[in-house]
Protein backbone atom coordinates (compact mmCIF):
# COMPACT_ATOMS: atom_id res chain seq x y z
CA UNK A 1 -70.93 -50.98 9.78
CA UNK A 2 -72.69 -48.41 11.95
CA UNK A 3 -70.73 -47.34 14.98
CA UNK A 4 -72.72 -46.66 18.15
CA UNK A 5 -72.62 -43.08 19.34
CA UNK A 6 -73.42 -41.55 22.65
CA UNK A 7 -74.69 -38.23 21.34
CA UNK A 8 -77.76 -38.29 23.60
CA UNK A 9 -75.58 -38.92 26.64
CA UNK A 10 -73.12 -36.21 25.57
CA UNK A 11 -75.94 -33.69 25.07
CA UNK A 12 -77.40 -34.57 28.47
CA UNK A 13 -73.99 -34.14 30.10
CA UNK A 14 -73.54 -30.73 28.47
CA UNK A 15 -77.02 -29.66 29.59
CA UNK A 16 -76.41 -30.83 33.17
CA UNK A 17 -73.08 -28.98 33.31
CA UNK A 18 -74.83 -25.76 32.26
CA UNK A 19 -77.56 -26.23 34.88
CA UNK A 20 -75.07 -27.04 37.61
CA UNK A 21 -72.96 -23.98 36.76
CA UNK A 22 -75.99 -21.77 37.46
CA UNK A 23 -76.54 -23.38 40.86
CA UNK A 24 -73.04 -22.66 42.10
CA UNK A 25 -72.61 -19.65 44.33
CA UNK A 26 -70.18 -16.97 43.19
CA UNK A 27 -66.78 -17.12 44.87
CA UNK A 28 -66.62 -13.43 45.71
CA UNK A 29 -68.63 -10.23 45.71
CA UNK A 30 -67.03 -9.24 42.40
CA UNK A 31 -68.26 -12.46 40.76
CA UNK A 32 -71.71 -11.73 42.16
CA UNK A 33 -71.60 -8.22 40.68
CA UNK A 34 -70.48 -9.60 37.33
CA UNK A 35 -73.30 -12.13 37.36
CA UNK A 36 -75.87 -9.46 38.24
CA UNK A 37 -74.55 -7.13 35.55
CA UNK A 38 -74.68 -9.88 32.94
CA UNK A 39 -78.26 -10.77 33.93
CA UNK A 40 -79.29 -7.12 33.71
CA UNK A 41 -77.76 -6.77 30.25
CA UNK A 42 -79.54 -9.92 29.03
CA UNK A 43 -82.84 -8.64 30.41
CA UNK A 44 -82.36 -5.31 28.62
CA UNK A 45 -81.46 -7.10 25.38
CA UNK A 46 -84.57 -9.28 25.66
CA UNK A 47 -86.76 -6.20 26.24
CA UNK A 48 -85.23 -4.40 23.26
CA UNK A 49 -85.80 -7.43 21.04
CA UNK A 50 -89.45 -7.59 22.10
CA UNK A 51 -89.94 -3.88 21.41
CA UNK A 52 -88.26 -4.18 18.00
CA UNK A 53 -90.49 -7.15 17.13
CA UNK A 54 -93.65 -5.24 18.07
CA UNK A 55 -92.57 -2.14 16.14
CA UNK A 56 -91.56 -4.24 13.13
CA UNK A 57 -94.92 -6.00 13.05
CA UNK A 58 -96.73 -2.67 13.43
CA UNK A 59 -94.78 -1.18 10.51
CA UNK A 60 -95.43 -4.22 8.34
CA UNK A 61 -99.13 -4.17 9.29
């Protein structure tokens, strides 16, 4: 017999928890600094990945 699962509901709950965590204000200035530093590092990583993709395609081409 097939047991009903709530995977869609669980996935939606996980997604909403992630969204809500981004809306919360940091508790202190140190948390704010940590958040800003993490965002900066992710932005730099994204830029480096884009540059590597362009260079890789240029080398292949």
